[in-house]
Amino acid sequence: MVIVGAEKLEYLIRRMFERAGSESEEAGIVSSNLVEANLTGHDSHGVGMVPRYINNCRNEALTVNTHVSVEHDNGPILQLHGNMGYGQVIGGEAMTLGIARSLELGVSIVALRNSYHLGR
């Protein structure tokens, strides 16, 4: 059995995602999330997902370097489109928009569709 430390594993996975077309920031967010999933006992949502992610980059089921877009904005209610981007990135962006709207209006409801795997 080969044992690889978390920091080294995260680096290797980040490089894989960069080779698959992701910009460095995106690759870092996704690789960090996957390694952290393993470290916190969520192995089904950890680095074992990497082959599926890479394959879906290749067959364009997952869109790299994309961001969430607003489909409908009705004050406290936002309907967002994930553009099939990495859920770890898209989900974070959706949360940021929802939090900002809640701070502005006191409440928000955010719906997100067409995002790739959000993780844990």
PDB file of N, CA and C in Angstrom:
ATOM      1  N   MET A   1       0.836  -1.170   0.000  1.00  0.00           N
ATOM      2  CA  MET A   1       0.000   0.000   0.000  1.00  0.00           C
ATOM      3  C   MET A   1       0.890   1.246   0.000  1.00  0.00           C
ATOM      4  N   VAL A   2       0.547   2.186  -0.853  1.00  0.00           N
ATOM      5  CA  VAL A   2       1.267   3.453  -0.927  1.00  0.00           C
ATOM      6  C   VAL A   2       0.510   4.478  -0.088  1.00  0.00           C
ATOM      7  N   ILE A   3       1.219   5.175   0.766  1.00  0.00           N
ATOM      8  CA  ILE A   3       0.602   6.212   1.592  1.00  0.00           C
ATOM      9  C   ILE A   3       1.129   7.564   1.122  1.00  0.00           C
ATOM     10  N   VAL A   4       0.195   8.451   0.803  1.00  0.00           N
ATOM     11  CA  VAL A   4       0.535   9.791   0.339  1.00  0.00           C
ATOM     12  C   VAL A   4      -0.080  10.782   1.310  1.00  0.00           C
ATOM     13  N   GLY A   5       0.692  11.732   1.776  1.00  0.00           N
ATOM     14  CA  GLY A   5       0.184  12.754   2.685  1.00  0.00           C
ATOM     15  C   GLY A   5      -0.855  13.638   2.009  1.00  0.00           C
ATOM     16  N   ALA A   6      -1.716  14.234   2.807  1.00  0.00           N
ATOM     17  CA  ALA A   6      -2.818  15.050   2.292  1.00  0.00           C
ATOM     18  C   ALA A   6      -2.321  16.209   1.433  1.00  0.00           C
ATOM     19  N   GLU A   7      -1.277  16.883   1.875  1.00  0.00           N
ATOM     20  CA  GLU A   7      -0.768  18.040   1.132  1.00  0.00           C
ATOM     21  C   GLU A   7      -0.254  17.628  -0.243  1.00  0.00           C
ATOM     22  N   LYS A   8       0.492  16.554  -0.301  1.00  0.00           N
ATOM     23  CA  LYS A   8       1.022  16.047  -1.573  1.00  0.00           C
ATOM     24  C   LYS A   8      -0.117  15.568  -2.468  1.00  0.00           C
ATOM     25  N   LEU A   9      -1.093  14.872  -1.880  1.00  0.00           N
ATOM     26  CA  LEU A   9      -2.234  14.382  -2.647  1.00  0.00           C
ATOM     27  C   LEU A   9      -3.017  15.542  -3.252  1.00  0.00           C
ATOM     28  N   GLU A  10      -3.253  16.562  -2.454  1.00  0.00           N
ATOM     29  CA  GLU A  10      -3.978  17.733  -2.953  1.00  0.00           C
ATOM     30  C   GLU A  10      -3.220  18.381  -4.118  1.00  0.00           C
ATOM     31  N   TYR A  11      -1.913  18.477  -3.998  1.00  0.00           N
ATOM     32  CA  TYR A  11      -1.086  19.036  -5.067  1.00  0.00           C
ATOM     33  C   TYR A  11      -1.223  18.207  -6.350  1.00  0.00           C
ATOM     34  N   LEU A  12      -1.111  16.882  -6.225  1.00  0.00           N
ATOM     35  CA  LEU A  12      -1.193  16.006  -7.396  1.00  0.00           C
ATOM     36  C   LEU A  12      -2.554  16.111  -8.076  1.00  0.00           C
ATOM     37  N   ILE A  13      -3.608  16.129  -7.279  1.00  0.00           N
ATOM     38  CA  ILE A  13      -4.957  16.216  -7.846  1.00  0.00           C
ATOM     39  C   ILE A  13      -5.168  17.583  -8.502  1.00  0.00           C
ATOM     40  N   ARG A  14      -4.684  18.635  -7.865  1.00  0.00           N
ATOM     41  CA  ARG A  14      -4.792  19.977  -8.458  1.00  0.00           C
ATOM     42  C   ARG A  14      -4.120  20.001  -9.825  1.00  0.00           C
ATOM     43  N   ARG A  15      -2.955  19.397  -9.921  1.00  0.00           N
ATOM     44  CA  ARG A  15      -2.247  19.347 -11.216  1.00  0.00           C
ATOM     45  C   ARG A  15      -3.047  18.564 -12.258  1.00  0.00           C
ATOM     46  N   MET A  16      -3.710  17.484 -11.834  1.00  0.00           N
ATOM     47  CA  MET A  16      -4.547  16.723 -12.767  1.00  0.00           C
ATOM     48  C   MET A  16      -5.667  17.595 -13.324  1.00  0.00           C
ATOM     49  N   PHE A  17      -6.319  18.354 -12.449  1.00  0.00           N
ATOM     50  CA  PHE A  17      -7.408  19.216 -12.900  1.00  0.00           C
ATOM     51  C   PHE A  17      -6.891  20.348 -13.787  1.00  0.00           C
ATOM     52  N   GLU A  18      -5.715  20.851 -13.481  1.00  0.00           N
ATOM     53  CA  GLU A  18      -5.119  21.871 -14.348  1.00  0.00           C
ATOM     54  C   GLU A  18      -4.828  21.285 -15.725  1.00  0.00           C
ATOM     55  N   ARG A  19      -4.332  20.058 -15.756  1.00  0.00           N
ATOM     56  CA  ARG A  19      -4.062  19.392 -17.044  1.00  0.00           C
ATOM     57  C   ARG A  19      -5.347  19.135 -17.818  1.00  0.00           C
ATOM     58  N   ALA A  20      -6.457  18.985 -17.090  1.00  0.00           N
ATOM     59  CA  ALA A  20      -7.757  18.773 -17.737  1.00  0.00           C
ATOM     60  C   ALA A  20      -8.386  20.097 -18.180  1.00  0.00           C
ATOM     61  N   GLY A  21      -7.701  21.225 -17.902  1.00  0.00           N
ATOM     62  CA  GLY A  21      -8.168  22.507 -18.407  1.00  0.00           C
ATOM     63  C   GLY A  21      -8.577  23.535 -17.375  1.00  0.00           C
ATOM     64  N   SER A  22      -8.634  23.160 -16.113  1.00  0.00           N
ATOM     65  CA  SER A  22      -9.044  24.111 -15.079  1.00  0.00           C
ATOM     66  C   SER A  22      -7.957  25.131 -14.801  1.00  0.00           C
ATOM     67  N   GLU A  23      -8.390  26.361 -14.535  1.00  0.00           N
ATOM     68  CA  GLU A  23      -7.464  27.378 -14.063  1.00  0.00           C
ATOM     69  C   GLU A  23      -7.025  26.989 -12.655  1.00  0.00           C
ATOM     70  N   SER A  24      -5.904  27.527 -12.221  1.00  0.00           N
ATOM     71  CA  SER A  24      -5.306  27.142 -10.946  1.00  0.00           C
ATOM     72  C   SER A  24      -6.253  27.318  -9.759  1.00  0.00           C
ATOM     73  N   GLU A  25      -6.970  28.435  -9.694  1.00  0.00           N
ATOM     74  CA  GLU A  25      -7.867  28.675  -8.557  1.00  0.00           C
ATOM     75  C   GLU A  25      -8.974  27.625  -8.491  1.00  0.00           C
ATOM     76  N   GLU A  26      -9.579  27.334  -9.634  1.00  0.00           N
ATOM     77  CA  GLU A  26     -10.634  26.330  -9.680  1.00  0.00           C
ATOM     78  C   GLU A  26     -10.092  24.961  -9.282  1.00  0.00           C
ATOM     79  N   ALA A  27      -8.963  24.582  -9.849  1.00  0.00           N
ATOM     80  CA  ALA A  27      -8.351  23.288  -9.533  1.00  0.00           C
ATOM     81  C   ALA A  27      -8.042  23.185  -8.047  1.00  0.00           C
ATOM     82  N   GLY A  28      -7.598  24.281  -7.451  1.00  0.00           N
ATOM     83  CA  GLY A  28      -7.294  24.289  -6.023  1.00  0.00           C
ATOM     84  C   GLY A  28      -8.524  24.106  -5.158  1.00  0.00           C
ATOM     85  N   ILE A  29      -9.612  24.777  -5.511  1.00  0.00           N
ATOM     86  CA  ILE A  29     -10.857  24.653  -4.746  1.00  0.00           C
ATOM     87  C   ILE A  29     -11.360  23.218  -4.786  1.00  0.00           C
ATOM     88  N   VAL A  30     -11.385  22.632  -5.974  1.00  0.00           N
ATOM     89  CA  VAL A  30     -11.927  21.280  -6.127  1.00  0.00           C
ATOM     90  C   VAL A  30     -11.024  20.249  -5.457  1.00  0.00           C
ATOM     91  N   SER A  31      -9.725  20.326  -5.682  1.00  0.00           N
ATOM     92  CA  SER A  31      -8.820  19.336  -5.079  1.00  0.00           C
ATOM     93  C   SER A  31      -8.839  19.435  -3.558  1.00  0.00           C
ATOM     94  N   SER A  32      -8.874  20.631  -3.030  1.00  0.00           N
ATOM     95  CA  SER A  32      -8.937  20.817  -1.577  1.00  0.00           C
ATOM     96  C   SER A  32     -10.203  20.199  -0.997  1.00  0.00           C
ATOM     97  N   ASN A  33     -11.324  20.416  -1.672  1.00  0.00           N
ATOM     98  CA  ASN A  33     -12.598  19.878  -1.198  1.00  0.00           C
ATOM     99  C   ASN A  33     -12.597  18.355  -1.208  1.00  0.00           C
ATOM    100  N   LEU A  34     -12.055  17.754  -2.263  1.00  0.00           N
ATOM    101  CA  LEU A  34     -12.046  16.294  -2.357  1.00  0.00           C
ATOM    102  C   LEU A  34     -11.148  15.668  -1.292  1.00  0.00           C
ATOM    103  N   VAL A  35      -9.970  16.226  -1.091  1.00  0.00           N
ATOM    104  CA  VAL A  35      -9.069  15.697  -0.063  1.00  0.00           C
ATOM    105  C   VAL A  35      -9.692  15.881   1.315  1.00  0.00           C
ATOM    106  N   GLU A  36     -10.288  17.034   1.561  1.00  0.00           N
ATOM    107  CA  GLU A  36     -10.928  17.281   2.858  1.00  0.00           C
ATOM    108  C   GLU A  36     -12.066  16.293   3.111  1.00  0.00           C
ATOM    109  N   ALA A  37     -12.782  15.915   2.055  1.00  0.00           N
ATOM    110  CA  ALA A  37     -13.847  14.926   2.218  1.00  0.00           C
ATOM    111  C   ALA A  37     -13.274  13.621   2.767  1.00  0.00           C
ATOM    112  N   ASN A  38     -12.167  13.166   2.207  1.00  0.00           N
ATOM    113  CA  ASN A  38     -11.530  11.955   2.719  1.00  0.00           C
ATOM    114  C   ASN A  38     -11.063  12.134   4.160  1.00  0.00           C
ATOM    115  N   LEU A  39     -10.448  13.256   4.440  1.00  0.00           N
ATOM    116  CA  LEU A  39      -9.908  13.494   5.781  1.00  0.00           C
ATOM    117  C   LEU A  39     -10.992  13.560   6.850  1.00  0.00           C
ATOM    118  N   THR A  40     -12.218  13.887   6.450  1.00  0.00           N
ATOM    119  CA  THR A  40     -13.320  13.972   7.411  1.00  0.00           C
ATOM    120  C   THR A  40     -14.224  12.747   7.361  1.00  0.00           C
ATOM    121  N   GLY A  41     -13.772  11.692   6.662  1.00  0.00           N
ATOM    122  CA  GLY A  41     -14.496  10.431   6.679  1.00  0.00           C
ATOM    123  C   GLY A  41     -15.568  10.271   5.620  1.00  0.00           C
ATOM    124  N   HIS A  42     -15.618  11.165   4.647  1.00  0.00           N
ATOM    125  CA  HIS A  42     -16.609  11.076   3.570  1.00  0.00           C
ATOM    126  C   HIS A  42     -15.926  10.539   2.310  1.00  0.00           C
ATOM    127  N   ASP A  43     -15.409   9.324   2.404  1.00  0.00           N
ATOM    128  CA  ASP A  43     -14.618   8.766   1.310  1.00  0.00           C
ATOM    129  C   ASP A  43     -15.385   8.661   0.001  1.00  0.00           C
ATOM    130  N   SER A  44     -16.693   8.463   0.058  1.00  0.00           N
ATOM    131  CA  SER A  44     -17.487   8.354  -1.167  1.00  0.00           C
ATOM    132  C   SER A  44     -17.522   9.671  -1.939  1.00  0.00           C
ATOM    133  N   HIS A  45     -17.171  10.767  -1.280  1.00  0.00           N
ATOM    134  CA  HIS A  45     -17.183  12.075  -1.921  1.00  0.00           C
ATOM    135  C   HIS A  45     -15.775  12.681  -1.986  1.00  0.00           C
ATOM    136  N   GLY A  46     -14.781  11.827  -1.885  1.00  0.00           N
ATOM    137  CA  GLY A  46     -13.399  12.278  -1.847  1.00  0.00           C
ATOM    138  C   GLY A  46     -12.656  12.048  -3.142  1.00  0.00           C
ATOM    139  N   VAL A  47     -11.369  11.758  -3.016  1.00  0.00           N
ATOM    140  CA  VAL A  47     -10.490  11.669  -4.176  1.00  0.00           C
ATOM    141  C   VAL A  47     -10.843  10.513  -5.110  1.00  0.00           C
ATOM    142  N   GLY A  48     -11.650   9.585  -4.659  1.00  0.00           N
ATOM    143  CA  GLY A  48     -12.126   8.522  -5.543  1.00  0.00           C
ATOM    144  C   GLY A  48     -12.987   9.050  -6.679  1.00  0.00           C
ATOM    145  N   MET A  49     -13.446  10.294  -6.552  1.00  0.00           N
ATOM    146  CA  MET A  49     -14.262  10.922  -7.591  1.00  0.00           C
ATOM    147  C   MET A  49     -13.411  11.473  -8.743  1.00  0.00           C
ATOM    148  N   VAL A  50     -12.104  11.578  -8.541  1.00  0.00           N
ATOM    149  CA  VAL A  50     -11.237  12.217  -9.539  1.00  0.00           C
ATOM    150  C   VAL A  50     -11.366  11.586 -10.924  1.00  0.00           C
ATOM    151  N   PRO A  51     -11.304  10.253 -11.086  1.00  0.00           N
ATOM    152  CA  PRO A  51     -11.431   9.701 -12.439  1.00  0.00           C
ATOM    153  C   PRO A  51     -12.748  10.096 -13.118  1.00  0.00           C
ATOM    154  N   ARG A  52     -13.835  10.096 -12.370  1.00  0.00           N
ATOM    155  CA  ARG A  52     -15.128  10.489 -12.941  1.00  0.00           C
ATOM    156  C   ARG A  52     -15.094  11.961 -13.362  1.00  0.00           C
ATOM    157  N   TYR A  53     -14.539  12.805 -12.516  1.00  0.00           N
ATOM    158  CA  TYR A  53     -14.448  14.233 -12.843  1.00  0.00           C
ATOM    159  C   TYR A  53     -13.629  14.436 -14.121  1.00  0.00           C
ATOM    160  N   ILE A  54     -12.473  13.793 -14.202  1.00  0.00           N
ATOM    161  CA  ILE A  54     -11.603  13.953 -15.373  1.00  0.00           C
ATOM    162  C   ILE A  54     -12.295  13.438 -16.629  1.00  0.00           C
ATOM    163  N   ASN A  55     -12.927  12.268 -16.544  1.00  0.00           N
ATOM    164  CA  ASN A  55     -13.654  11.738 -17.704  1.00  0.00           C
ATOM    165  C   ASN A  55     -14.748  12.688 -18.153  1.00  0.00           C
ATOM    166  N   ASN A  56     -15.455  13.281 -17.203  1.00  0.00           N
ATOM    167  CA  ASN A  56     -16.534  14.193 -17.571  1.00  0.00           C
ATOM    168  C   ASN A  56     -16.016  15.529 -18.090  1.00  0.00           C
ATOM    169  N   CYS A  57     -14.803  15.908 -17.737  1.00  0.00           N
ATOM    170  CA  CYS A  57     -14.167  17.068 -18.388  1.00  0.00           C
ATOM    171  C   CYS A  57     -13.911  16.739 -19.853  1.00  0.00           C
ATOM    172  N   ARG A  58     -13.417  15.548 -20.089  1.00  0.00           N
ATOM    173  CA  ARG A  58     -13.075  15.135 -21.458  1.00  0.00           C
ATOM    174  C   ARG A  58     -14.301  15.012 -22.346  1.00  0.00           C
ATOM    175  N   ASN A  59     -15.408  14.476 -21.792  1.00  0.00           N
ATOM    176  CA  ASN A  59     -16.599  14.299 -22.633  1.00  0.00           C
ATOM    177  C   ASN A  59     -17.563  15.476 -22.535  1.00  0.00           C
ATOM    178  N   GLU A  60     -17.110  16.551 -21.909  1.00  0.00           N
ATOM    179  CA  GLU A  60     -17.822  17.825 -21.810  1.00  0.00           C
ATOM    180  C   GLU A  60     -19.137  17.749 -21.035  1.00  0.00           C
ATOM    181  N   ALA A  61     -19.260  16.758 -20.160  1.00  0.00           N
ATOM    182  CA  ALA A  61     -20.406  16.714 -19.245  1.00  0.00           C
ATOM    183  C   ALA A  61     -20.168  17.659 -18.075  1.00  0.00           C
ATOM    184  N   LEU A  62     -18.934  18.068 -17.892  1.00  0.00           N
ATOM    185  CA  LEU A  62     -18.523  19.012 -16.850  1.00  0.00           C
ATOM    186  C   LEU A  62     -17.788  20.147 -17.560  1.00  0.00           C
ATOM    187  N   THR A  63     -18.172  21.370 -17.269  1.00  0.00           N
ATOM    188  CA  THR A  63     -17.563  22.529 -17.920  1.00  0.00           C
ATOM    189  C   THR A  63     -16.565  23.184 -16.975  1.00  0.00           C
ATOM    190  N   VAL A  64     -15.312  23.226 -17.384  1.00  0.00           N
ATOM    191  CA  VAL A  64     -14.291  23.860 -16.545  1.00  0.00           C
ATOM    192  C   VAL A  64     -14.326  25.373 -16.733  1.00  0.00           C
ATOM    193  N   ASN A  65     -13.842  26.078 -15.708  1.00  0.00           N
ATOM    194  CA  ASN A  65     -13.670  27.534 -15.758  1.00  0.00           C
ATOM    195  C   ASN A  65     -14.963  28.286 -16.064  1.00  0.00           C
ATOM    196  N   THR A  66     -16.046  27.807 -15.492  1.00  0.00           N
ATOM    197  CA  THR A  66     -17.318  28.509 -15.660  1.00  0.00           C
ATOM    198  C   THR A  66     -17.816  28.962 -14.298  1.00  0.00           C
ATOM    199  N   HIS A  67     -18.782  29.827 -14.320  1.00  0.00           N
ATOM    200  CA  HIS A  67     -19.302  30.396 -13.084  1.00  0.00           C
ATOM    201  C   HIS A  67     -20.819  30.374 -13.110  1.00  0.00           C
ATOM    202  N   VAL A  68     -21.398  30.566 -11.941  1.00  0.00           N
ATOM    203  CA  VAL A  68     -22.843  30.587 -11.799  1.00  0.00           C
ATOM    204  C   VAL A  68     -23.398  31.812 -12.532  1.00  0.00           C
ATOM    205  N   SER A  69     -24.584  31.662 -13.107  1.00  0.00           N
ATOM    206  CA  SER A  69     -25.259  32.806 -13.720  1.00  0.00           C
ATOM    207  C   SER A  69     -26.665  32.918 -13.148  1.00  0.00           C
ATOM    208  N   VAL A  70     -27.171  34.130 -13.125  1.00  0.00           N
ATOM    209  CA  VAL A  70     -28.499  34.406 -12.576  1.00  0.00           C
ATOM    210  C   VAL A  70     -29.516  34.270 -13.699  1.00  0.00           C
ATOM    211  N   GLU A  71     -30.483  33.356 -13.518  1.00  0.00           N
ATOM    212  CA  GLU A  71     -31.556  33.195 -14.499  1.00  0.00           C
ATOM    213  C   GLU A  71     -32.744  34.094 -14.179  1.00  0.00           C
ATOM    214  N   HIS A  72     -33.110  34.134 -12.907  1.00  0.00           N
ATOM    215  CA  HIS A  72     -34.235  34.966 -12.463  1.00  0.00           C
ATOM    216  C   HIS A  72     -33.855  35.617 -11.144  1.00  0.00           C
ATOM    217  N   ASP A  73     -34.151  36.891 -11.048  1.00  0.00           N
ATOM    218  CA  ASP A  73     -33.870  37.653  -9.835  1.00  0.00           C
ATOM    219  C   ASP A  73     -35.149  38.370  -9.440  1.00  0.00           C
ATOM    220  N   ASN A  74     -35.730  37.922  -8.346  1.00  0.00           N
ATOM    221  CA  ASN A  74     -36.971  38.516  -7.862  1.00  0.00           C
ATOM    222  C   ASN A  74     -36.777  38.937  -6.406  1.00  0.00           C
ATOM    223  N   GLY A  75     -35.896  39.902  -6.211  1.00  0.00           N
ATOM    224  CA  GLY A  75     -35.637  40.388  -4.859  1.00  0.00           C
ATOM    225  C   GLY A  75     -34.953  39.339  -4.007  1.00  0.00           C
ATOM    226  N   PRO A  76     -35.670  38.796  -3.023  1.00  0.00           N
ATOM    227  CA  PRO A  76     -35.043  37.818  -2.137  1.00  0.00           C
ATOM    228  C   PRO A  76     -34.930  36.420  -2.760  1.00  0.00           C
ATOM    229  N   ILE A  77     -35.518  36.240  -3.941  1.00  0.00           N
ATOM    230  CA  ILE A  77     -35.522  34.921  -4.590  1.00  0.00           C
ATOM    231  C   ILE A  77     -34.617  34.959  -5.815  1.00  0.00           C
ATOM    232  N   LEU A  78     -33.643  34.059  -5.825  1.00  0.00           N
ATOM    233  CA  LEU A  78     -32.720  33.945  -6.951  1.00  0.00           C
ATOM    234  C   LEU A  78     -32.795  32.545  -7.536  1.00  0.00           C
ATOM    235  N   GLN A  79     -32.928  32.457  -8.849  1.00  0.00           N
ATOM    236  CA  GLN A  79     -32.802  31.174  -9.540  1.00  0.00           C
ATOM    237  C   GLN A  79     -31.503  31.239 -10.333  1.00  0.00           C
ATOM    238  N   LEU A  80     -30.603  30.321 -10.017  1.00  0.00           N
ATOM    239  CA  LEU A  80     -29.265  30.331 -10.596  1.00  0.00           C
ATOM    240  C   LEU A  80     -29.036  29.122 -11.492  1.00  0.00           C
ATOM    241  N   HIS A  81     -28.177  29.293 -12.474  1.00  0.00           N
ATOM    242  CA  HIS A  81     -27.788  28.225 -13.389  1.00  0.00           C
ATOM    243  C   HIS A  81     -26.304  27.952 -13.176  1.00  0.00           C
ATOM    244  N   GLY A  82     -25.966  26.689 -12.966  1.00  0.00           N
ATOM    245  CA  GLY A  82     -24.581  26.319 -12.695  1.00  0.00           C
ATOM    246  C   GLY A  82     -23.725  26.085 -13.914  1.00  0.00           C
ATOM    247  N   ASN A  83     -24.331  26.095 -15.111  1.00  0.00           N
ATOM    248  CA  ASN A  83     -23.577  25.935 -16.357  1.00  0.00           C
ATOM    249  C   ASN A  83     -22.696  24.689 -16.358  1.00  0.00           C
ATOM    250  N   MET A  84     -23.112  23.680 -15.603  1.00  0.00           N
ATOM    251  CA  MET A  84     -22.415  22.396 -15.467  1.00  0.00           C
ATOM    252  C   MET A  84     -20.959  22.544 -15.027  1.00  0.00           C
ATOM    253  N   GLY A  85     -20.713  23.583 -14.227  1.00  0.00           N
ATOM    254  CA  GLY A  85     -19.387  23.777 -13.648  1.00  0.00           C
ATOM    255  C   GLY A  85     -19.221  22.942 -12.392  1.00  0.00           C
ATOM    256  N   TYR A  86     -17.988  22.863 -11.920  1.00  0.00           N
ATOM    257  CA  TYR A  86     -17.699  22.130 -10.686  1.00  0.00           C
ATOM    258  C   TYR A  86     -18.602  22.631  -9.566  1.00  0.00           C
ATOM    259  N   GLY A  87     -19.304  21.726  -8.919  1.00  0.00           N
ATOM    260  CA  GLY A  87     -20.204  22.101  -7.839  1.00  0.00           C
ATOM    261  C   GLY A  87     -19.511  22.785  -6.685  1.00  0.00           C
ATOM    262  N   GLN A  88     -18.266  22.418  -6.429  1.00  0.00           N
ATOM    263  CA  GLN A  88     -17.530  23.039  -5.329  1.00  0.00           C
ATOM    264  C   GLN A  88     -17.338  24.535  -5.584  1.00  0.00           C
ATOM    265  N   VAL A  89     -17.208  24.915  -6.837  1.00  0.00           N
ATOM    266  CA  VAL A  89     -17.056  26.323  -7.214  1.00  0.00           C
ATOM    267  C   VAL A  89     -18.430  26.977  -7.333  1.00  0.00           C
ATOM    268  N   ILE A  90     -19.306  26.351  -8.098  1.00  0.00           N
ATOM    269  CA  ILE A  90     -20.642  26.896  -8.355  1.00  0.00           C
ATOM    270  C   ILE A  90     -21.426  27.031  -7.055  1.00  0.00           C
ATOM    271  N   GLY A  91     -21.371  26.011  -6.213  1.00  0.00           N
ATOM    272  CA  GLY A  91     -22.090  26.054  -4.939  1.00  0.00           C
ATOM    273  C   GLY A  91     -21.604  27.182  -4.049  1.00  0.00           C
ATOM    274  N   GLY A  92     -20.297  27.394  -4.028  1.00  0.00           N
ATOM    275  CA  GLY A  92     -19.733  28.494  -3.247  1.00  0.00           C
ATOM    276  C   GLY A  92     -20.196  29.844  -3.763  1.00  0.00           C
ATOM    277  N   GLU A  93     -20.227  29.984  -5.076  1.00  0.00           N
ATOM    278  CA  GLU A  93     -20.695  31.241  -5.663  1.00  0.00           C
ATOM    279  C   GLU A  93     -22.175  31.465  -5.363  1.00  0.00           C
ATOM    280  N   ALA A  94     -22.971  30.396  -5.438  1.00  0.00           N
ATOM    281  CA  ALA A  94     -24.405  30.506  -5.130  1.00  0.00           C
ATOM    282  C   ALA A  94     -24.613  30.927  -3.676  1.00  0.00           C
ATOM    283  N   MET A  95     -23.840  30.340  -2.775  1.00  0.00           N
ATOM    284  CA  MET A  95     -23.946  30.720  -1.361  1.00  0.00           C
ATOM    285  C   MET A  95     -23.564  32.179  -1.147  1.00  0.00           C
ATOM    286  N   THR A  96     -22.523  32.622  -1.812  1.00  0.00           N
ATOM    287  CA  THR A  96     -22.093  34.015  -1.679  1.00  0.00           C
ATOM    288  C   THR A  96     -23.196  34.969  -2.128  1.00  0.00           C
ATOM    289  N   LEU A  97     -23.842  34.651  -3.247  1.00  0.00           N
ATOM    290  CA  LEU A  97     -24.948  35.490  -3.725  1.00  0.00           C
ATOM    291  C   LEU A  97     -26.113  35.479  -2.741  1.00  0.00           C
ATOM    292  N   GLY A  98     -26.441  34.301  -2.223  1.00  0.00           N
ATOM    293  CA  GLY A  98     -27.539  34.188  -1.263  1.00  0.00           C
ATOM    294  C   GLY A  98     -27.266  34.941   0.031  1.00  0.00           C
ATOM    295  N   ILE A  99     -26.055  34.847   0.526  1.00  0.00           N
ATOM    296  CA  ILE A  99     -25.685  35.555   1.754  1.00  0.00           C
ATOM    297  C   ILE A  99     -25.753  37.063   1.535  1.00  0.00           C
ATOM    298  N   ALA A 100     -25.233  37.525   0.403  1.00  0.00           N
ATOM    299  CA  ALA A 100     -25.278  38.962   0.107  1.00  0.00           C
ATOM    300  C   ALA A 100     -26.717  39.452   0.032  1.00  0.00           C
ATOM    301  N   ARG A 101     -27.574  38.665  -0.595  1.00  0.00           N
ATOM    302  CA  ARG A 101     -28.981  39.052  -0.710  1.00  0.00           C
ATOM    303  C   ARG A 101     -29.655  39.056   0.654  1.00  0.00           C
ATOM    304  N   SER A 102     -29.320  38.098   1.499  1.00  0.00           N
ATOM    305  CA  SER A 102     -29.878  38.063   2.859  1.00  0.00           C
ATOM    306  C   SER A 102     -29.428  39.265   3.682  1.00  0.00           C
ATOM    307  N   LEU A 103     -28.181  39.641   3.529  1.00  0.00           N
ATOM    308  CA  LEU A 103     -27.684  40.814   4.255  1.00  0.00           C
ATOM    309  C   LEU A 103     -28.382  42.087   3.781  1.00  0.00           C
ATOM    310  N   GLU A 104     -28.681  42.130   2.497  1.00  0.00           N
ATOM    311  CA  GLU A 104     -29.342  43.303   1.918  1.00  0.00           C
ATOM    312  C   GLU A 104     -30.824  43.371   2.283  1.00  0.00           C
ATOM    313  N   LEU A 105     -31.523  42.222   2.197  1.00  0.00           N
ATOM    314  CA  LEU A 105     -32.983  42.209   2.332  1.00  0.00           C
ATOM    315  C   LEU A 105     -33.495  41.513   3.586  1.00  0.00           C
ATOM    316  N   GLY A 106     -32.610  40.861   4.317  1.00  0.00           N
ATOM    317  CA  GLY A 106     -33.024  40.171   5.534  1.00  0.00           C
ATOM    318  C   GLY A 106     -33.361  38.708   5.339  1.00  0.00           C
ATOM    319  N   VAL A 107     -33.536  38.279   4.102  1.00  0.00           N
ATOM    320  CA  VAL A 107     -33.873  36.890   3.796  1.00  0.00           C
ATOM    321  C   VAL A 107     -33.552  36.630   2.323  1.00  0.00           C
ATOM    322  N   SER A 108     -33.293  35.374   1.991  1.00  0.00           N
ATOM    323  CA  SER A 108     -33.142  35.003   0.582  1.00  0.00           C
ATOM    324  C   SER A 108     -33.465  33.527   0.409  1.00  0.00           C
ATOM    325  N   ILE A 109     -33.917  33.215  -0.779  1.00  0.00           N
ATOM    326  CA  ILE A 109     -34.132  31.834  -1.205  1.00  0.00           C
ATOM    327  C   ILE A 109     -33.349  31.679  -2.498  1.00  0.00           C
ATOM    328  N   VAL A 110     -32.501  30.673  -2.547  1.00  0.00           N
ATOM    329  CA  VAL A 110     -31.661  30.458  -3.718  1.00  0.00           C
ATOM    330  C   VAL A 110     -31.932  29.071  -4.277  1.00  0.00           C
ATOM    331  N   ALA A 111     -32.251  29.021  -5.560  1.00  0.00           N
ATOM    332  CA  ALA A 111     -32.406  27.748  -6.266  1.00  0.00           C
ATOM    333  C   ALA A 111     -31.256  27.640  -7.264  1.00  0.00           C
ATOM    334  N   LEU A 112     -30.633  26.479  -7.314  1.00  0.00           N
ATOM    335  CA  LEU A 112     -29.501  26.254  -8.213  1.00  0.00           C
ATOM    336  C   LEU A 112     -29.780  25.019  -9.047  1.00  0.00           C
ATOM    337  N   ARG A 113     -29.595  25.143 -10.349  1.00  0.00           N
ATOM    338  CA  ARG A 113     -29.763  23.985 -11.229  1.00  0.00           C
ATOM    339  C   ARG A 113     -28.569  23.874 -12.165  1.00  0.00           C
ATOM    340  N   ASN A 114     -28.438  22.701 -12.732  1.00  0.00           N
ATOM    341  CA  ASN A 114     -27.382  22.418 -13.703  1.00  0.00           C
ATOM    342  C   ASN A 114     -25.980  22.735 -13.197  1.00  0.00           C
ATOM    343  N   SER A 115     -25.695  22.206 -12.032  1.00  0.00           N
ATOM    344  CA  SER A 115     -24.351  22.261 -11.469  1.00  0.00           C
ATOM    345  C   SER A 115     -23.817  20.837 -11.457  1.00  0.00           C
ATOM    346  N   TYR A 116     -22.526  20.680 -11.662  1.00  0.00           N
ATOM    347  CA  TYR A 116     -21.929  19.363 -11.526  1.00  0.00           C
ATOM    348  C   TYR A 116     -21.879  19.015 -10.038  1.00  0.00           C
ATOM    349  N   HIS A 117     -21.456  17.840  -9.709  1.00  0.00           N
ATOM    350  CA  HIS A 117     -21.429  17.301  -8.349  1.00  0.00           C
ATOM    351  C   HIS A 117     -20.998  18.339  -7.315  1.00  0.00           C
ATOM    352  N   LEU A 118     -21.863  18.600  -6.345  1.00  0.00           N
ATOM    353  CA  LEU A 118     -21.588  19.608  -5.320  1.00  0.00           C
ATOM    354  C   LEU A 118     -20.629  19.113  -4.248  1.00  0.00           C
ATOM    355  N   GLY A 119     -20.451  17.851  -4.150  1.00  0.00           N
ATOM    356  CA  GLY A 119     -19.574  17.309  -3.117  1.00  0.00           C
ATOM    357  C   GLY A 119     -20.320  17.106  -1.819  1.00  0.00           C
ATOM    358  N   ARG A 120     -19.611  17.210  -0.733  1.00  0.00           N
ATOM    359  CA  ARG A 120     -20.263  16.995   0.560  1.00  0.00           C
ATOM    360  C   ARG A 120     -20.507  18.298   1.271  1.00  0.00           C
TER     361      ARG A 120
END
